[in-house]
Amino acid sequence: MSDPGLRGAIVWAIVPYVPEAPFRVWLGDAQPVATISSAADYARQALEQRLDAEQTFLVEGKLRPVLLLQDRPLGLLPEIAGLRMVRLEALSDEQQRSIREHQEPSLFHLAAGRKYGLGKEMAVDLNALVRVHQTAIAGRPVGRLDDYEMRSVGERLAEHLDIDLEPLVTALVEERLEELTRPG
């Protein structure tokens, strides 16, 4: 059996939270951690050359399940796009029902069990795109979405993020039409 790749795999990975103000910046050994109150203050300090534009920010992170959206067959980039997941038990009963009945377009329901490798009922959060470095993935995939589920996630993601696929679809249809009508 061939390696199915990472697209559609559910993995445990270390995922940082999104930085938010006040920002904590590590300035190096023997230096105190700087606290910068806002992004505007940070930009001002960088423009005034009191800070380099690139810094080491101290952000919290968590080992959590992530749905990987792509493969990196050429291995050119070590980062993989993914979506974070949320535990249904952390949501209200009404929210859980809505997700199970596929009425919440931003959350894709995953039942607990072997297929997904999850001990608890979860939902893929289409609002929570993350980049996962390959070294932040803790081992092999624990579960996997099938092709139909990944197609559904992809369609919902494109719609949810308001990605305009019309030019791509139009080009593909025109290309296929040309192939079908070409003589010989």
Protein backbone atom coordinates (compact mmCIF):
# COMPACT_ATOMS: atom_id res chain seq x y z
CA MET A 1 0.00 0.00 0.00
CA SER A 2 1.35 3.43 -0.91
CA ASP A 3 1.89 6.20 1.62
CA PRO A 4 -1.31 8.29 1.71
CA GLY A 5 0.65 11.46 2.50
CA LEU A 6 -0.27 14.16 4.96
CA ARG A 7 -3.31 15.70 3.23
CA GLY A 8 -6.30 14.77 5.37
CA ALA A 9 -4.18 13.42 8.22
CA ILE A 10 -5.02 14.23 11.81
CA VAL A 11 -1.86 14.72 13.84
CA TRP A 12 -0.92 15.96 17.27
CA ALA A 13 1.26 19.03 16.91
CA ILE A 14 2.59 21.91 18.93
CA VAL A 15 0.61 24.95 17.82
CA PRO A 16 1.24 28.45 19.18
CA TYR A 17 -1.61 30.71 20.10
CA VAL A 18 -2.00 33.88 18.04
CA PRO A 19 0.10 36.69 19.53
CA GLU A 20 -1.95 39.47 21.09
CA ALA A 21 -1.15 42.69 22.93
CA PRO A 22 0.60 43.25 25.16
CA PHE A 23 3.44 41.54 23.26
CA ARG A 24 6.27 39.87 25.15
CA VAL A 25 9.59 40.03 23.31
CA TRP A 26 12.78 38.16 24.21
CA LEU A 27 15.70 40.50 23.64
CA GLY A 28 18.49 38.03 24.37
CA ASP A 29 20.49 36.56 27.21
CA ALA A 30 20.96 38.80 30.23
CA GLN A 31 18.17 41.08 28.99
CA PRO A 32 14.75 41.40 30.58
CA VAL A 33 11.73 40.32 28.55
CA ALA A 34 10.27 43.44 26.98
CA THR A 35 6.57 44.12 27.05
CA ILE A 36 5.25 46.18 24.16
CA SER A 37 1.72 47.48 24.59
CA SER A 38 0.51 47.43 20.98
CA ALA A 39 1.41 46.60 17.39
CA ALA A 40 1.60 50.34 16.67
CA ASP A 41 4.18 50.78 19.47
CA TYR A 42 6.17 47.85 18.11
CA ALA A 43 6.11 49.31 14.59
CA ARG A 44 7.14 52.71 15.89
CA GLN A 45 10.10 51.21 17.78
CA ALA A 46 11.14 49.22 14.72
CA LEU A 47 10.92 52.31 12.50
CA GLU A 48 12.96 54.32 15.01
CA GLN A 49 15.49 51.45 14.93
CA ARG A 50 15.27 50.76 18.64
CA LEU A 51 14.15 47.25 17.68
CA ASP A 52 14.86 45.05 14.69
CA ALA A 53 11.75 44.26 12.65
CA GLU A 54 12.27 40.57 13.40
CA GLN A 55 12.13 39.54 17.05
CA THR A 56 11.53 36.46 19.15
CA PHE A 57 8.03 36.77 20.57
CA LEU A 58 7.07 34.76 23.62
CA VAL A 59 3.69 33.18 22.93
CA GLU A 60 1.89 30.34 24.60
CA GLY A 61 1.28 27.16 22.68
CA LYS A 62 -0.41 23.84 23.08
CA LEU A 63 -0.09 20.23 21.92
CA ARG A 64 -3.34 19.73 20.06
CA PRO A 65 -4.92 17.76 17.22
CA VAL A 66 -4.66 19.40 13.81
CA LEU A 67 -6.11 18.47 10.42
CA LEU A 68 -3.39 18.82 7.78
CA LEU A 69 -4.61 20.31 4.50
CA GLN A 70 -1.73 19.55 2.18
CA ASP A 71 1.23 17.41 1.31
CA ARG A 72 4.73 18.70 0.75
CA PRO A 73 5.94 16.07 -1.75
CA LEU A 74 8.99 18.05 -2.84
CA GLY A 75 9.89 18.98 0.73
CA LEU A 76 10.84 22.51 -0.31
CA LEU A 77 9.05 24.14 2.62
CA PRO A 78 9.00 22.62 6.10
CA GLU A 79 5.61 24.10 7.01
CA ILE A 80 2.21 22.56 6.37
CA ALA A 81 -1.17 24.32 6.36
CA GLY A 82 -3.65 22.92 8.84
CA LEU A 83 -6.81 23.60 10.80
CA ARG A 84 -7.10 23.48 14.57
CA MET A 85 -9.85 21.50 16.23
CA VAL A 86 -12.17 22.19 19.14
CA ARG A 87 -13.61 19.71 21.66
CA LEU A 88 -17.39 19.58 21.47
CA GLU A 89 -17.59 19.13 25.24
CA ALA A 90 -16.25 22.70 25.62
CA LEU A 91 -19.33 24.04 23.80
CA SER A 92 -22.94 24.47 24.89
CA ASP A 93 -25.47 21.70 24.27
CA GLU A 94 -27.14 23.82 21.58
CA GLN A 95 -23.81 24.43 19.81
CA GLN A 96 -22.98 20.71 19.95
CA ARG A 97 -26.36 19.80 18.44
CA SER A 98 -25.90 22.37 15.68
CA ILE A 99 -22.46 20.95 14.81
CA ARG A 100 -23.64 17.32 14.84
CA GLU A 101 -26.53 18.25 12.54
CA HIS A 102 -24.13 20.06 10.14
CA GLN A 103 -25.89 23.39 10.69
CA GLU A 104 -22.74 25.25 11.74
CA PRO A 105 -20.79 25.93 8.51
CA SER A 106 -17.55 26.92 10.26
CA LEU A 107 -17.21 23.67 12.24
CA PHE A 108 -16.83 20.21 10.62
CA HIS A 109 -17.95 17.42 12.99
CA LEU A 110 -15.67 14.48 13.82
CA ALA A 111 -16.98 11.65 15.97
CA ALA A 112 -14.76 10.07 18.62
CA GLY A 113 -13.26 6.75 17.58
CA ARG A 114 -10.62 4.91 15.61
CA LYS A 115 -11.17 6.48 12.18
CA TYR A 116 -10.08 9.91 13.39
CA GLY A 117 -7.89 8.68 16.27
CA LEU A 118 -9.69 10.93 18.71
CA GLY A 119 -10.77 9.97 22.21
CA LYS A 120 -13.35 12.75 22.27
CA GLU A 121 -15.83 14.22 19.85
CA MET A 122 -14.23 17.16 18.03
CA ALA A 123 -14.90 19.66 15.26
CA VAL A 124 -12.48 21.04 12.68
CA ASP A 125 -12.56 24.84 13.02
CA LEU A 126 -12.56 26.46 9.58
CA ASN A 127 -11.72 29.79 11.22
CA ALA A 128 -8.48 28.44 12.67
CA LEU A 129 -5.92 28.14 9.88
CA VAL A 130 -2.44 27.41 11.22
CA ARG A 131 1.01 26.70 9.81
CA VAL A 132 2.63 23.68 11.41
CA HIS A 133 6.37 23.15 11.11
CA GLN A 134 7.15 19.52 10.34
CA THR A 135 9.31 19.32 13.50
CA ALA A 136 6.28 20.36 15.60
CA ILE A 137 4.34 17.23 14.56
CA ALA A 138 4.42 14.66 17.36
CA GLY A 139 4.68 11.37 15.49
CA ARG A 140 2.55 9.65 12.89
CA PRO A 141 -1.03 10.59 12.00
CA VAL A 142 -3.59 9.28 14.50
CA GLY A 143 -6.48 9.43 12.05
CA ARG A 144 -7.50 10.60 8.63
CA LEU A 145 -10.38 12.18 6.73
CA ASP A 146 -11.34 10.37 3.54
CA ASP A 147 -11.39 12.03 0.11
CA TYR A 148 -15.09 12.92 0.33
CA GLU A 149 -14.63 14.54 3.76
CA MET A 150 -11.57 16.48 2.57
CA ARG A 151 -13.49 17.68 -0.49
CA SER A 152 -16.29 18.84 1.82
CA VAL A 153 -13.82 20.61 4.13
CA GLY A 154 -12.16 22.24 1.09
CA GLU A 155 -15.45 23.46 -0.35
CA ARG A 156 -16.62 24.81 2.99
CA LEU A 157 -13.24 26.45 3.60
CA ALA A 158 -13.25 28.18 0.19
CA GLU A 159 -16.81 29.40 0.78
CA HIS A 160 -16.20 30.36 4.41
CA LEU A 161 -13.05 32.35 3.61
CA ASP A 162 -14.72 33.89 0.56
CA ILE A 163 -12.07 32.57 -1.84
CA ASP A 164 -13.01 33.37 -5.44
CA LEU A 165 -12.64 30.11 -7.38
CA GLU A 166 -14.51 31.33 -10.47
CA PRO A 167 -11.38 32.14 -12.54
CA LEU A 168 -9.88 28.72 -11.79
CA VAL A 169 -13.10 26.84 -12.55
CA THR A 170 -13.64 28.85 -15.75
CA ALA A 171 -10.10 28.09 -16.96
CA LEU A 172 -10.49 24.37 -16.20
CA VAL A 173 -13.86 24.19 -18.00
CA GLU A 174 -12.47 26.03 -21.04
CA GLU A 175 -9.42 23.75 -21.12
CA ARG A 176 -11.59 20.63 -20.90
CA LEU A 177 -13.99 21.95 -23.56
CA GLU A 178 -11.06 22.59 -25.87
CA GLU A 179 -9.82 19.02 -25.32
CA LEU A 180 -13.27 17.60 -26.10
CA THR A 181 -13.77 19.65 -29.26
CA ARG A 182 -10.26 19.29 -30.67
CA PRO A 183 -10.28 17.28 -33.92
CA GLY A 184 -8.63 13.88 -33.99
